[in-house]
Amino acid sequence: MLPRALSSWMETLVGYVRSGRPDLTNRQMALLLAVYLTPGPHTVRGLAHLLGVSKPVITRALNTLGSLGYLRRERDEADRRNIFVTQTDSGADFLAGFGNLIDRAPDQGGKRGHRAALG
């Protein structure tokens, strides 16, 4: 039998798909969560190291997440060669909504509502 956690994760993903929000790849979601849940400042190089991928992979994911308004690039004023990856209000709202979907997924004691819309 498969772990109950997989059922909860499926319910979360179903709620996410039903929300109509843009489909993010696992890589994009991992990058987004890394920027919001780990201490910064965040650089392309540092995020590539954290996720174990190349800098071009991070750049492609940032292009998508930036176009959605979930992350922003900012030039380091102290060293103009550096680019920091920063949070946005839209990204925080998106992740809060996704967190609500996780909270509403079935748990050990039975089902909770899973049809909540994403923020």
Protein backbone atom coordinates (compact mmCIF):
# COMPACT_ATOMS: atom_id res chain seq x y z
CA MET A 1 0.00 0.00 0.00
CA LEU A 2 1.25 3.49 -0.81
CA PRO A 3 1.95 6.00 1.97
CA ARG A 4 -0.96 8.23 3.03
CA ALA A 5 1.23 11.25 2.36
CA LEU A 6 0.98 10.54 -1.37
CA SER A 7 -2.80 10.75 -1.18
CA SER A 8 -2.50 14.11 0.58
CA TRP A 9 -0.03 15.32 -2.03
CA MET A 10 -2.38 14.21 -4.83
CA GLU A 11 -5.27 16.14 -3.24
CA THR A 12 -3.03 19.21 -2.97
CA LEU A 13 -2.03 18.94 -6.62
CA VAL A 14 -5.62 18.38 -7.76
CA GLY A 15 -6.63 21.54 -5.87
CA TYR A 16 -3.74 23.38 -7.50
CA VAL A 17 -4.74 22.25 -11.00
CA ARG A 18 -8.36 23.22 -10.33
CA SER A 19 -7.26 26.66 -9.13
CA GLY A 20 -6.44 27.73 -12.67
CA ARG A 21 -3.08 29.16 -11.60
CA PRO A 22 -0.11 28.69 -13.96
CA ASP A 23 1.39 25.21 -13.91
CA LEU A 24 4.83 25.37 -12.37
CA THR A 25 7.38 22.63 -12.89
CA ASN A 26 8.86 20.93 -9.86
CA ARG A 27 12.09 22.82 -10.55
CA GLN A 28 10.27 26.17 -10.64
CA MET A 29 8.38 25.34 -7.43
CA ALA A 30 11.60 24.24 -5.68
CA LEU A 31 13.28 27.49 -6.74
CA LEU A 32 10.33 29.57 -5.56
CA LEU A 33 10.24 27.80 -2.20
CA ALA A 34 14.02 28.14 -1.80
CA VAL A 35 13.82 31.91 -2.21
CA TYR A 36 10.91 32.24 0.22
CA LEU A 37 11.94 29.69 2.85
CA THR A 38 15.72 30.01 3.09
CA PRO A 39 17.66 33.06 4.25
CA GLY A 40 18.98 35.37 1.52
CA PRO A 41 20.40 37.16 -0.22
CA HIS A 42 19.86 34.74 -3.09
CA THR A 43 22.02 34.69 -6.22
CA VAL A 44 21.72 32.59 -9.35
CA ARG A 45 24.97 30.84 -8.44
CA GLY A 46 23.82 30.11 -4.88
CA LEU A 47 20.41 28.85 -5.99
CA ALA A 48 22.02 26.62 -8.64
CA HIS A 49 24.27 25.15 -5.95
CA LEU A 50 21.36 24.64 -3.54
CA LEU A 51 19.25 22.83 -6.15
CA GLY A 52 22.16 20.99 -7.75
CA VAL A 53 21.52 22.36 -11.24
CA SER A 54 23.35 24.66 -13.65
CA LYS A 55 23.06 28.44 -13.68
CA PRO A 56 21.27 28.38 -17.08
CA VAL A 57 18.60 26.10 -15.56
CA ILE A 58 18.04 28.66 -12.79
CA THR A 59 17.96 31.49 -15.33
CA ARG A 60 15.25 29.75 -17.38
CA ALA A 61 13.16 29.09 -14.27
CA LEU A 62 13.65 32.72 -13.17
CA ASN A 63 12.48 33.93 -16.56
CA THR A 64 9.19 32.11 -16.07
CA LEU A 65 8.77 33.00 -12.40
CA GLY A 66 9.69 36.61 -13.13
CA SER A 67 7.15 36.86 -15.96
CA LEU A 68 4.49 35.57 -13.54
CA GLY A 69 5.55 38.20 -10.99
CA TYR A 70 6.52 35.59 -8.37
CA LEU A 71 10.22 36.54 -8.18
CA ARG A 72 12.25 39.57 -9.17
CA ARG A 73 15.89 40.11 -10.13
CA GLU A 74 17.68 43.08 -8.57
CA ARG A 75 21.17 44.28 -9.37
CA ASP A 76 23.56 44.50 -6.42
CA GLU A 77 24.40 48.18 -6.09
CA ALA A 78 27.69 47.36 -4.34
CA ASP A 79 28.83 45.05 -7.16
CA ARG A 80 26.87 45.60 -10.37
CA ARG A 81 27.97 42.18 -11.68
CA ASN A 82 25.83 40.43 -9.05
CA ILE A 83 22.12 39.86 -9.44
CA PHE A 84 19.97 39.08 -6.42
CA VAL A 85 16.76 37.09 -6.67
CA THR A 86 14.09 38.61 -4.44
CA GLN A 87 10.56 37.91 -3.29
CA THR A 88 7.43 39.70 -4.49
CA ASP A 89 3.99 40.19 -3.01
CA SER A 90 2.51 38.10 -5.86
CA GLY A 91 4.86 35.24 -5.09
CA ALA A 92 4.06 35.39 -1.38
CA ASP A 93 0.32 35.36 -2.19
CA PHE A 94 0.77 32.40 -4.53
CA LEU A 95 2.67 30.39 -1.90
CA ALA A 96 0.17 31.30 0.82
CA GLY A 97 -2.59 29.92 -1.39
CA PHE A 98 -0.58 26.80 -2.12
CA GLY A 99 0.04 26.38 1.61
CA ASN A 100 -3.71 26.60 2.20
CA LEU A 101 -4.21 23.77 -0.29
CA ILE A 102 -1.73 21.63 1.64
CA ASP A 103 -3.52 22.45 4.90
CA ARG A 104 -6.83 21.34 3.38
CA ALA A 105 -5.53 18.04 1.99
CA PRO A 106 -6.63 14.81 3.67
CA ASP A 107 -4.81 14.01 6.87
CA GLN A 108 -4.49 10.94 9.07
CA GLY A 109 -7.95 11.53 10.59
CA GLY A 110 -9.88 11.78 7.34
CA LYS A 111 -10.68 14.28 4.63
CA ARG A 112 -10.71 17.99 4.98
CA GLY A 113 -12.01 20.28 2.26
CA HIS A 114 -9.67 20.28 -0.74
CA ARG A 115 -11.48 22.47 -3.24
CA ALA A 116 -10.22 25.79 -1.90
CA ALA A 117 -9.08 28.23 -4.54
CA LEU A 118 -5.48 29.29 -4.66
CA GLY A 119 -5.01 32.88 -3.43
